[in-house]
All heavy atoms as atom14 arrays in JSON, in Angstrom:
{
  "sequence": "LGECHGLRAFIHFDILRLFADNILLKQDASGIPYAYDYDLQNKQVF",
  "atom14_mask": [
    [1, 1, 1, 1, 1, 1, 1, 1, 0, 0, 0, 0, 0, 0],
    [1, 1, 1, 1, 0, 0, 0, 0, 0, 0, 0, 0, 0, 0],
    [1, 1, 1, 1, 1, 1, 1, 1, 1, 0, 0, 0, 0, 0],
    [1, 1, 1, 1, 1, 1, 0, 0, 0, 0, 0, 0, 0, 0],
    [1, 1, 1, 1, 1, 1, 1, 1, 1, 1, 0, 0, 0, 0],
    [1, 1, 1, 1, 0, 0, 0, 0, 0, 0, 0, 0, 0, 0],
    [1, 1, 1, 1, 1, 1, 1, 1, 0, 0, 0, 0, 0, 0],
    [1, 1, 1, 1, 1, 1, 1, 1, 1, 1, 1, 0, 0, 0],
    [1, 1, 1, 1, 1, 0, 0, 0, 0, 0, 0, 0, 0, 0],
    [1, 1, 1, 1, 1, 1, 1, 1, 1, 1, 1, 0, 0, 0],
    [1, 1, 1, 1, 1, 1, 1, 1, 0, 0, 0, 0, 0, 0],
    [1, 1, 1, 1, 1, 1, 1, 1, 1, 1, 0, 0, 0, 0],
    [1, 1, 1, 1, 1, 1, 1, 1, 1, 1, 1, 0, 0, 0],
    [1, 1, 1, 1, 1, 1, 1, 1, 0, 0, 0, 0, 0, 0],
    [1, 1, 1, 1, 1, 1, 1, 1, 0, 0, 0, 0, 0, 0],
    [1, 1, 1, 1, 1, 1, 1, 1, 0, 0, 0, 0, 0, 0],
    [1, 1, 1, 1, 1, 1, 1, 1, 1, 1, 1, 0, 0, 0],
    [1, 1, 1, 1, 1, 1, 1, 1, 0, 0, 0, 0, 0, 0],
    [1, 1, 1, 1, 1, 1, 1, 1, 1, 1, 1, 0, 0, 0],
    [1, 1, 1, 1, 1, 0, 0, 0, 0, 0, 0, 0, 0, 0],
    [1, 1, 1, 1, 1, 1, 1, 1, 0, 0, 0, 0, 0, 0],
    [1, 1, 1, 1, 1, 1, 1, 1, 0, 0, 0, 0, 0, 0],
    [1, 1, 1, 1, 1, 1, 1, 1, 0, 0, 0, 0, 0, 0],
    [1, 1, 1, 1, 1, 1, 1, 1, 0, 0, 0, 0, 0, 0],
    [1, 1, 1, 1, 1, 1, 1, 1, 0, 0, 0, 0, 0, 0],
    [1, 1, 1, 1, 1, 1, 1, 1, 1, 0, 0, 0, 0, 0],
    [1, 1, 1, 1, 1, 1, 1, 1, 1, 0, 0, 0, 0, 0],
    [1, 1, 1, 1, 1, 1, 1, 1, 0, 0, 0, 0, 0, 0],
    [1, 1, 1, 1, 1, 0, 0, 0, 0, 0, 0, 0, 0, 0],
    [1, 1, 1, 1, 1, 1, 0, 0, 0, 0, 0, 0, 0, 0],
    [1, 1, 1, 1, 0, 0, 0, 0, 0, 0, 0, 0, 0, 0],
    [1, 1, 1, 1, 1, 1, 1, 1, 0, 0, 0, 0, 0, 0],
    [1, 1, 1, 1, 1, 1, 1, 0, 0, 0, 0, 0, 0, 0],
    [1, 1, 1, 1, 1, 1, 1, 1, 1, 1, 1, 1, 0, 0],
    [1, 1, 1, 1, 1, 0, 0, 0, 0, 0, 0, 0, 0, 0],
    [1, 1, 1, 1, 1, 1, 1, 1, 1, 1, 1, 1, 0, 0],
    [1, 1, 1, 1, 1, 1, 1, 1, 0, 0, 0, 0, 0, 0],
    [1, 1, 1, 1, 1, 1, 1, 1, 1, 1, 1, 1, 0, 0],
    [1, 1, 1, 1, 1, 1, 1, 1, 0, 0, 0, 0, 0, 0],
    [1, 1, 1, 1, 1, 1, 1, 1, 0, 0, 0, 0, 0, 0],
    [1, 1, 1, 1, 1, 1, 1, 1, 1, 0, 0, 0, 0, 0],
    [1, 1, 1, 1, 1, 1, 1, 1, 0, 0, 0, 0, 0, 0],
    [1, 1, 1, 1, 1, 1, 1, 1, 1, 0, 0, 0, 0, 0],
    [1, 1, 1, 1, 1, 1, 1, 1, 1, 0, 0, 0, 0, 0],
    [1, 1, 1, 1, 1, 1, 1, 0, 0, 0, 0, 0, 0, 0],
    [1, 1, 1, 1, 1, 1, 1, 1, 1, 1, 1, 0, 0, 0]
  ],
  "atom14_positions": [
    [[0.85, -1.16, -0.01], [0.09, -0.04, -0.01], [0.87, 1.29, -0.02], [0.68, 2.2, -0.79], [-0.91, -0.01, 1.22], [-1.93, 1.17, 1.38], [-2.99, 1.04, 0.22], [-2.66, 1.08, 2.7], [0.0, 0.0, 0.0], [0.0, 0.0, 0.0], [0.0, 0.0, 0.0], [0.0, 0.0, 0.0], [0.0, 0.0, 0.0], [0.0, 0.0, 0.0]],
    [[1.82, 1.28, 0.87], [2.76, 2.45, 0.91], [3.58, 2.61, -0.33], [3.73, 3.68, -0.89], [0.0, 0.0, 0.0], [0.0, 0.0, 0.0], [0.0, 0.0, 0.0], [0.0, 0.0, 0.0], [0.0, 0.0, 0.0], [0.0, 0.0, 0.0], [0.0, 0.0, 0.0], [0.0, 0.0, 0.0], [0.0, 0.0, 0.0], [0.0, 0.0, 0.0]],
    [[4.06, 1.5, -0.93], [4.82, 1.58, -2.15], [3.93, 2.12, -3.27], [4.39, 2.96, -4.15], [5.26, 0.12, -2.5], [6.47, -0.28, -1.56], [6.79, -1.79, -1.94], [6.8, -2.13, -3.14], [7.13, -2.54, -1.02], [0.0, 0.0, 0.0], [0.0, 0.0, 0.0], [0.0, 0.0, 0.0], [0.0, 0.0, 0.0], [0.0, 0.0, 0.0]],
    [[2.64, 1.64, -3.44], [1.83, 2.08, -4.5], [1.54, 3.53, -4.39], [1.64, 4.22, -5.48], [0.51, 1.34, -4.41], [0.57, -0.35, -5.1], [0.0, 0.0, 0.0], [0.0, 0.0, 0.0], [0.0, 0.0, 0.0], [0.0, 0.0, 0.0], [0.0, 0.0, 0.0], [0.0, 0.0, 0.0], [0.0, 0.0, 0.0], [0.0, 0.0, 0.0]],
    [[1.39, 4.11, -3.24], [1.2, 5.66, -3.15], [2.52, 6.35, -3.63], [2.5, 7.36, -4.33], [0.79, 5.96, -1.77], [-0.63, 5.76, -1.4], [-1.63, 6.59, -2.04], [-1.32, 4.89, -0.67], [-2.88, 6.14, -1.62], [-2.63, 5.09, -0.9], [0.0, 0.0, 0.0], [0.0, 0.0, 0.0], [0.0, 0.0, 0.0], [0.0, 0.0, 0.0]],
    [[3.57, 5.79, -3.11], [4.85, 6.37, -3.54], [5.14, 6.23, -4.97], [5.63, 7.18, -5.7], [0.0, 0.0, 0.0], [0.0, 0.0, 0.0], [0.0, 0.0, 0.0], [0.0, 0.0, 0.0], [0.0, 0.0, 0.0], [0.0, 0.0, 0.0], [0.0, 0.0, 0.0], [0.0, 0.0, 0.0], [0.0, 0.0, 0.0], [0.0, 0.0, 0.0]],
    [[4.85, 5.15, -5.6], [5.07, 4.92, -7.04], [4.14, 5.83, -7.84], [4.62, 6.38, -8.83], [4.75, 3.45, -7.41], [5.84, 2.41, -7.0], [5.37, 1.03, -7.14], [7.15, 2.64, -7.86], [0.0, 0.0, 0.0], [0.0, 0.0, 0.0], [0.0, 0.0, 0.0], [0.0, 0.0, 0.0], [0.0, 0.0, 0.0], [0.0, 0.0, 0.0]],
    [[2.93, 6.02, -7.45], [2.02, 6.86, -8.17], [2.49, 8.32, -8.25], [2.47, 9.02, -9.2], [0.58, 6.74, -7.63], [-0.43, 7.55, -8.36], [-1.86, 7.14, -8.1], [-2.22, 7.51, -6.66], [-3.29, 7.16, -6.08], [-4.24, 6.36, -6.77], [-3.61, 7.59, -4.8], [0.0, 0.0, 0.0], [0.0, 0.0, 0.0], [0.0, 0.0, 0.0]],
    [[3.05, 8.69, -7.03], [3.62, 10.08, -6.98], [4.92, 10.19, -7.89], [5.02, 11.22, -8.54], [3.95, 10.42, -5.45], [0.0, 0.0, 0.0], [0.0, 0.0, 0.0], [0.0, 0.0, 0.0], [0.0, 0.0, 0.0], [0.0, 0.0, 0.0], [0.0, 0.0, 0.0], [0.0, 0.0, 0.0], [0.0, 0.0, 0.0], [0.0, 0.0, 0.0]],
    [[5.71, 9.18, -7.72], [7.03, 9.19, -8.47], [6.76, 9.32, -9.94], [7.34, 10.13, -10.62], [7.82, 7.98, -8.18], [8.98, 7.76, -9.04], [10.12, 8.48, -8.93], [8.92, 6.72, -10.04], [11.3, 8.28, -9.78], [10.06, 6.48, -10.91], [11.23, 7.27, -10.78], [0.0, 0.0, 0.0], [0.0, 0.0, 0.0], [0.0, 0.0, 0.0]],
    [[5.87, 8.59, -10.52], [5.72, 8.54, -12.04], [5.04, 9.84, -12.42], [5.42, 10.51, -13.44], [4.86, 7.27, -12.46], [5.6, 6.04, -11.92], [4.75, 7.3, -13.96], [4.68, 4.81, -12.1], [0.0, 0.0, 0.0], [0.0, 0.0, 0.0], [0.0, 0.0, 0.0], [0.0, 0.0, 0.0], [0.0, 0.0, 0.0], [0.0, 0.0, 0.0]],
    [[3.98, 10.27, -11.74], [3.35, 11.61, -12.02], [4.32, 12.71, -12.0], [4.26, 13.59, -12.83], [2.28, 11.82, -11.07], [0.86, 11.13, -11.47], [0.34, 10.11, -10.71], [0.02, 11.24, -12.42], [-0.78, 9.77, -11.22], [-1.0, 10.42, -12.38], [0.0, 0.0, 0.0], [0.0, 0.0, 0.0], [0.0, 0.0, 0.0], [0.0, 0.0, 0.0]],
    [[5.16, 12.66, -10.98], [6.2, 13.74, -10.77], [7.13, 13.79, -12.02], [7.38, 14.94, -12.56], [6.95, 13.64, -9.54], [8.05, 14.61, -9.26], [7.65, 16.05, -9.34], [9.33, 14.28, -9.04], [8.64, 16.97, -9.06], [10.37, 15.27, -8.81], [10.0, 16.57, -8.84], [0.0, 0.0, 0.0], [0.0, 0.0, 0.0], [0.0, 0.0, 0.0]],
    [[7.55, 12.69, -12.53], [8.48, 12.77, -13.71], [7.71, 13.23, -14.95], [8.28, 13.95, -15.73], [9.19, 11.5, -13.82], [10.46, 11.38, -13.06], [10.76, 12.41, -12.38], [11.14, 10.37, -13.07], [0.0, 0.0, 0.0], [0.0, 0.0, 0.0], [0.0, 0.0, 0.0], [0.0, 0.0, 0.0], [0.0, 0.0, 0.0], [0.0, 0.0, 0.0]],
    [[6.47, 12.74, -15.08], [5.68, 13.24, -16.26], [5.44, 14.74, -16.12], [5.61, 15.5, -17.17], [4.35, 12.52, -16.26], [4.61, 10.92, -16.63], [3.46, 13.09, -17.39], [3.38, 10.05, -16.61], [0.0, 0.0, 0.0], [0.0, 0.0, 0.0], [0.0, 0.0, 0.0], [0.0, 0.0, 0.0], [0.0, 0.0, 0.0], [0.0, 0.0, 0.0]],
    [[5.16, 15.21, -14.88], [4.92, 16.68, -14.73], [6.28, 17.4, -15.01], [6.15, 18.45, -15.64], [4.56, 16.82, -13.22], [4.15, 18.27, -12.87], [2.87, 18.67, -13.49], [4.05, 18.46, -11.33], [0.0, 0.0, 0.0], [0.0, 0.0, 0.0], [0.0, 0.0, 0.0], [0.0, 0.0, 0.0], [0.0, 0.0, 0.0], [0.0, 0.0, 0.0]],
    [[7.34, 16.99, -14.5], [8.63, 17.65, -14.81], [9.0, 17.84, -16.28], [9.57, 18.74, -16.81], [9.85, 16.94, -14.05], [9.74, 17.05, -12.61], [11.16, 16.72, -12.0], [11.5, 15.43, -12.03], [12.73, 14.93, -11.74], [13.67, 15.8, -11.3], [13.08, 13.67, -11.77], [0.0, 0.0, 0.0], [0.0, 0.0, 0.0], [0.0, 0.0, 0.0]],
    [[8.48, 16.75, -17.11], [8.88, 16.79, -18.58], [7.78, 17.42, -19.37], [8.15, 18.02, -20.29], [8.98, 15.26, -18.97], [10.21, 14.64, -18.47], [10.14, 13.06, -18.72], [11.48, 15.11, -19.18], [0.0, 0.0, 0.0], [0.0, 0.0, 0.0], [0.0, 0.0, 0.0], [0.0, 0.0, 0.0], [0.0, 0.0, 0.0], [0.0, 0.0, 0.0]],
    [[6.54, 17.29, -18.97], [5.42, 17.74, -19.89], [4.76, 19.05, -19.53], [3.79, 19.43, -20.1], [4.41, 16.62, -20.11], [4.99, 15.53, -20.88], [5.54, 14.37, -20.29], [4.8, 15.37, -22.25], [6.01, 13.26, -21.02], [5.22, 14.29, -23.04], [5.92, 13.32, -22.38], [0.0, 0.0, 0.0], [0.0, 0.0, 0.0], [0.0, 0.0, 0.0]],
    [[5.14, 19.58, -18.41], [4.46, 20.83, -17.86], [5.48, 21.96, -17.65], [6.71, 21.69, -17.8], [3.71, 20.51, -16.55], [0.0, 0.0, 0.0], [0.0, 0.0, 0.0], [0.0, 0.0, 0.0], [0.0, 0.0, 0.0], [0.0, 0.0, 0.0], [0.0, 0.0, 0.0], [0.0, 0.0, 0.0], [0.0, 0.0, 0.0], [0.0, 0.0, 0.0]],
    [[5.03, 23.14, -17.35], [5.84, 24.25, -17.16], [6.58, 24.14, -15.79], [6.18, 23.39, -14.9], [5.01, 25.59, -17.1], [4.62, 25.94, -18.47], [5.44, 26.24, -19.37], [3.38, 26.0, -18.78], [0.0, 0.0, 0.0], [0.0, 0.0, 0.0], [0.0, 0.0, 0.0], [0.0, 0.0, 0.0], [0.0, 0.0, 0.0], [0.0, 0.0, 0.0]],
    [[7.61, 24.96, -15.59], [8.41, 25.1, -14.42], [7.59, 25.92, -13.5], [7.28, 27.09, -13.71], [9.69, 25.82, -14.73], [10.59, 26.0, -13.51], [10.16, 25.87, -12.34], [11.88, 26.21, -13.74], [0.0, 0.0, 0.0], [0.0, 0.0, 0.0], [0.0, 0.0, 0.0], [0.0, 0.0, 0.0], [0.0, 0.0, 0.0], [0.0, 0.0, 0.0]],
    [[7.15, 25.27, -12.26], [6.3, 26.04, -11.45], [6.95, 27.29, -10.82], [6.23, 28.17, -10.32], [5.84, 25.07, -10.3], [4.69, 25.61, -9.46], [6.93, 24.71, -9.32], [3.96, 24.81, -8.55], [0.0, 0.0, 0.0], [0.0, 0.0, 0.0], [0.0, 0.0, 0.0], [0.0, 0.0, 0.0], [0.0, 0.0, 0.0], [0.0, 0.0, 0.0]],
    [[8.29, 27.4, -10.79], [8.93, 28.55, -10.26], [8.78, 29.77, -11.26], [8.9, 30.84, -10.77], [10.37, 28.24, -10.09], [10.7, 27.15, -9.0], [12.24, 26.91, -8.95], [10.17, 27.51, -7.68], [0.0, 0.0, 0.0], [0.0, 0.0, 0.0], [0.0, 0.0, 0.0], [0.0, 0.0, 0.0], [0.0, 0.0, 0.0], [0.0, 0.0, 0.0]],
    [[8.35, 29.45, -12.4], [8.27, 30.56, -13.43], [6.87, 30.81, -13.79], [6.54, 31.97, -14.22], [9.07, 30.14, -14.73], [10.54, 29.89, -14.59], [11.12, 29.41, -15.93], [11.32, 31.04, -14.12], [0.0, 0.0, 0.0], [0.0, 0.0, 0.0], [0.0, 0.0, 0.0], [0.0, 0.0, 0.0], [0.0, 0.0, 0.0], [0.0, 0.0, 0.0]],
    [[5.98, 29.78, -13.66], [4.65, 29.98, -14.09], [3.59, 29.2, -13.26], [3.19, 28.07, -13.53], [4.5, 29.47, -15.6], [3.33, 29.92, -16.38], [3.45, 29.49, -17.85], [2.3, 29.99, -18.62], [2.4, 29.56, -20.07], [0.0, 0.0, 0.0], [0.0, 0.0, 0.0], [0.0, 0.0, 0.0], [0.0, 0.0, 0.0], [0.0, 0.0, 0.0]],
    [[3.38, 29.84, -12.04], [2.64, 29.08, -11.05], [1.24, 28.72, -11.33], [0.67, 27.89, -10.91], [2.71, 29.89, -9.7], [4.09, 29.99, -9.23], [4.11, 29.98, -7.67], [3.01, 29.98, -7.01], [5.32, 30.01, -7.05], [0.0, 0.0, 0.0], [0.0, 0.0, 0.0], [0.0, 0.0, 0.0], [0.0, 0.0, 0.0], [0.0, 0.0, 0.0]],
    [[0.69, 29.64, -12.2], [-0.76, 29.44, -12.56], [-0.96, 28.6, -13.82], [-2.12, 28.48, -14.38], [-1.45, 30.81, -12.82], [-1.44, 31.7, -11.54], [-1.53, 31.05, -10.41], [-1.36, 32.94, -11.6], [0.0, 0.0, 0.0], [0.0, 0.0, 0.0], [0.0, 0.0, 0.0], [0.0, 0.0, 0.0], [0.0, 0.0, 0.0], [0.0, 0.0, 0.0]],
    [[0.09, 27.91, -14.28], [-0.07, 27.14, -15.54], [-0.91, 25.84, -15.27], [-1.15, 25.37, -14.12], [1.39, 26.7, -15.97], [0.0, 0.0, 0.0], [0.0, 0.0, 0.0], [0.0, 0.0, 0.0], [0.0, 0.0, 0.0], [0.0, 0.0, 0.0], [0.0, 0.0, 0.0], [0.0, 0.0, 0.0], [0.0, 0.0, 0.0], [0.0, 0.0, 0.0]],
    [[-1.34, 25.19, -16.43], [-1.95, 23.83, -16.27], [-0.91, 22.83, -16.02], [0.25, 22.93, -16.33], [-2.58, 23.61, -17.6], [-3.21, 22.39, -17.64], [0.0, 0.0, 0.0], [0.0, 0.0, 0.0], [0.0, 0.0, 0.0], [0.0, 0.0, 0.0], [0.0, 0.0, 0.0], [0.0, 0.0, 0.0], [0.0, 0.0, 0.0], [0.0, 0.0, 0.0]],
    [[-1.36, 21.88, -15.28], [-0.5, 20.72, -15.04], [-0.66, 19.57, -15.9], [-0.66, 19.62, -17.04], [0.0, 0.0, 0.0], [0.0, 0.0, 0.0], [0.0, 0.0, 0.0], [0.0, 0.0, 0.0], [0.0, 0.0, 0.0], [0.0, 0.0, 0.0], [0.0, 0.0, 0.0], [0.0, 0.0, 0.0], [0.0, 0.0, 0.0], [0.0, 0.0, 0.0]],
    [[-0.94, 18.46, -15.36], [-1.17, 17.2, -16.05], [-2.32, 16.41, -15.53], [-2.81, 16.71, -14.43], [0.15, 16.23, -15.98], [0.42, 15.9, -14.46], [1.27, 16.86, -16.66], [1.43, 14.74, -14.25], [0.0, 0.0, 0.0], [0.0, 0.0, 0.0], [0.0, 0.0, 0.0], [0.0, 0.0, 0.0], [0.0, 0.0, 0.0], [0.0, 0.0, 0.0]],
    [[-2.91, 15.43, -16.28], [-3.86, 14.55, -15.72], [-3.26, 13.72, -14.58], [-2.16, 13.23, -14.61], [-4.16, 13.56, -16.84], [-3.69, 14.2, -18.09], [-2.45, 15.03, -17.72], [0.0, 0.0, 0.0], [0.0, 0.0, 0.0], [0.0, 0.0, 0.0], [0.0, 0.0, 0.0], [0.0, 0.0, 0.0], [0.0, 0.0, 0.0], [0.0, 0.0, 0.0]],
    [[-3.97, 13.63, -13.41], [-3.53, 12.94, -12.32], [-4.53, 11.72, -12.17], [-5.68, 11.88, -11.82], [-3.48, 13.69, -10.97], [-2.5, 13.1, -9.96], [-1.22, 13.6, -9.9], [-2.91, 12.09, -9.09], [-0.33, 13.08, -8.92], [-1.98, 11.66, -8.17], [-0.68, 12.06, -8.14], [0.24, 11.51, -7.19], [0.0, 0.0, 0.0], [0.0, 0.0, 0.0]],
    [[-4.07, 10.48, -12.4], [-4.86, 9.31, -12.48], [-5.06, 8.65, -11.2], [-4.03, 8.16, -10.62], [-4.37, 8.47, -13.6], [0.0, 0.0, 0.0], [0.0, 0.0, 0.0], [0.0, 0.0, 0.0], [0.0, 0.0, 0.0], [0.0, 0.0, 0.0], [0.0, 0.0, 0.0], [0.0, 0.0, 0.0], [0.0, 0.0, 0.0], [0.0, 0.0, 0.0]],
    [[-6.28, 8.41, -10.81], [-6.53, 7.65, -9.51], [-7.13, 6.29, -9.78], [-7.4, 5.55, -8.9], [-7.45, 8.49, -8.6], [-6.73, 9.65, -8.03], [-6.97, 10.88, -8.52], [-5.89, 9.52, -6.94], [-6.32, 12.06, -8.0], [-5.25, 10.62, -6.35], [-5.47, 11.9, -6.9], [-4.82, 12.96, -6.35], [0.0, 0.0, 0.0], [0.0, 0.0, 0.0]],
    [[-7.52, 5.97, -11.07], [-8.13, 4.78, -11.39], [-7.35, 3.96, -12.41], [-6.53, 4.69, -13.25], [-9.53, 5.06, -11.98], [-10.51, 5.66, -10.95], [-10.6, 5.23, -9.88], [-11.03, 6.7, -11.44], [0.0, 0.0, 0.0], [0.0, 0.0, 0.0], [0.0, 0.0, 0.0], [0.0, 0.0, 0.0], [0.0, 0.0, 0.0], [0.0, 0.0, 0.0]],
    [[-7.54, 2.75, -12.55], [-6.73, 1.95, -13.53], [-7.36, 2.18, -14.92], [-6.72, 1.9, -15.93], [-6.49, 0.55, -13.17], [-7.69, -0.37, -13.3], [-8.02, -0.92, -14.55], [-8.36, -0.81, -12.2], [-9.1, -1.8, -14.67], [-9.39, -1.66, -12.33], [-9.81, -2.19, -13.57], [-10.83, -3.1, -13.65], [0.0, 0.0, 0.0], [0.0, 0.0, 0.0]],
    [[-8.62, 2.63, -15.05], [-9.22, 2.99, -16.29], [-8.6, 4.37, -16.68], [-8.98, 5.31, -15.94], [-10.76, 2.95, -16.2], [-11.38, 3.32, -17.52], [-10.69, 3.67, -18.46], [-12.63, 3.26, -17.54], [0.0, 0.0, 0.0], [0.0, 0.0, 0.0], [0.0, 0.0, 0.0], [0.0, 0.0, 0.0], [0.0, 0.0, 0.0], [0.0, 0.0, 0.0]],
    [[-7.9, 4.44, -17.7], [-7.23, 5.75, -18.1], [-8.18, 6.76, -18.85], [-7.74, 7.8, -19.21], [-5.93, 5.46, -18.92], [-4.92, 4.78, -18.18], [-3.71, 4.5, -19.05], [-4.4, 5.53, -16.97], [0.0, 0.0, 0.0], [0.0, 0.0, 0.0], [0.0, 0.0, 0.0], [0.0, 0.0, 0.0], [0.0, 0.0, 0.0], [0.0, 0.0, 0.0]],
    [[-9.41, 6.33, -18.95], [-10.4, 7.33, -19.64], [-10.82, 8.35, -18.6], [-10.87, 8.09, -17.41], [-11.56, 6.62, -20.22], [-11.23, 5.56, -21.27], [-10.5, 6.27, -22.52], [-10.96, 7.24, -22.95], [-9.35, 5.73, -22.95], [0.0, 0.0, 0.0], [0.0, 0.0, 0.0], [0.0, 0.0, 0.0], [0.0, 0.0, 0.0], [0.0, 0.0, 0.0]],
    [[-11.07, 9.5, -19.16], [-11.6, 10.62, -18.34], [-10.77, 11.03, -17.14], [-11.34, 11.25, -16.02], [-13.04, 10.2, -17.8], [-13.97, 10.04, -19.04], [-14.0, 10.78, -19.93], [-14.76, 8.93, -18.98], [0.0, 0.0, 0.0], [0.0, 0.0, 0.0], [0.0, 0.0, 0.0], [0.0, 0.0, 0.0], [0.0, 0.0, 0.0], [0.0, 0.0, 0.0]],
    [[-9.46, 10.99, -17.26], [-8.63, 11.53, -16.26], [-8.77, 13.06, -16.15], [-8.98, 13.66, -17.18], [-7.12, 11.22, -16.63], [-6.84, 9.76, -16.78], [-5.34, 9.49, -16.96], [-4.78, 10.11, -18.16], [-5.29, 9.58, -19.39], [0.0, 0.0, 0.0], [0.0, 0.0, 0.0], [0.0, 0.0, 0.0], [0.0, 0.0, 0.0], [0.0, 0.0, 0.0]],
    [[-8.78, 13.58, -14.94], [-8.82, 14.97, -14.74], [-7.47, 15.67, -14.93], [-6.46, 15.22, -14.31], [-9.52, 15.29, -13.41], [-9.64, 16.77, -13.11], [-10.34, 17.08, -11.8], [-10.74, 16.16, -11.18], [-10.37, 18.34, -11.4], [0.0, 0.0, 0.0], [0.0, 0.0, 0.0], [0.0, 0.0, 0.0], [0.0, 0.0, 0.0], [0.0, 0.0, 0.0]],
    [[-7.49, 16.81, -15.68], [-6.26, 17.56, -15.76], [-6.33, 18.58, -14.61], [-7.23, 19.35, -14.5], [-6.23, 18.34, -17.05], [-4.97, 19.2, -17.2], [-6.15, 17.39, -18.26], [0.0, 0.0, 0.0], [0.0, 0.0, 0.0], [0.0, 0.0, 0.0], [0.0, 0.0, 0.0], [0.0, 0.0, 0.0], [0.0, 0.0, 0.0], [0.0, 0.0, 0.0]],
    [[-5.25, 18.56, -13.83], [-5.18, 19.51, -12.69], [-4.28, 20.62, -13.01], [-3.4, 20.57, -13.95], [-4.65, 18.74, -11.49], [-5.58, 17.78, -10.93], [-5.68, 16.52, -11.37], [-6.39, 18.16, -9.71], [-6.59, 15.58, -10.79], [-7.25, 17.26, -9.19], [-7.37, 15.98, -9.74], [0.0, 0.0, 0.0], [0.0, 0.0, 0.0], [0.0, 0.0, 0.0]]
  ]
}
């Protein structure tokens, strides 16, 4: 359970670092979809 929460954060963080803006420069920018289900349809973009 602990590993899964850590893994979900780790993968999202690297996708965020690569595909989104630098938060230090553009705090109000759009982020990425954060997926909480294994069905990847209809993910919410935060």
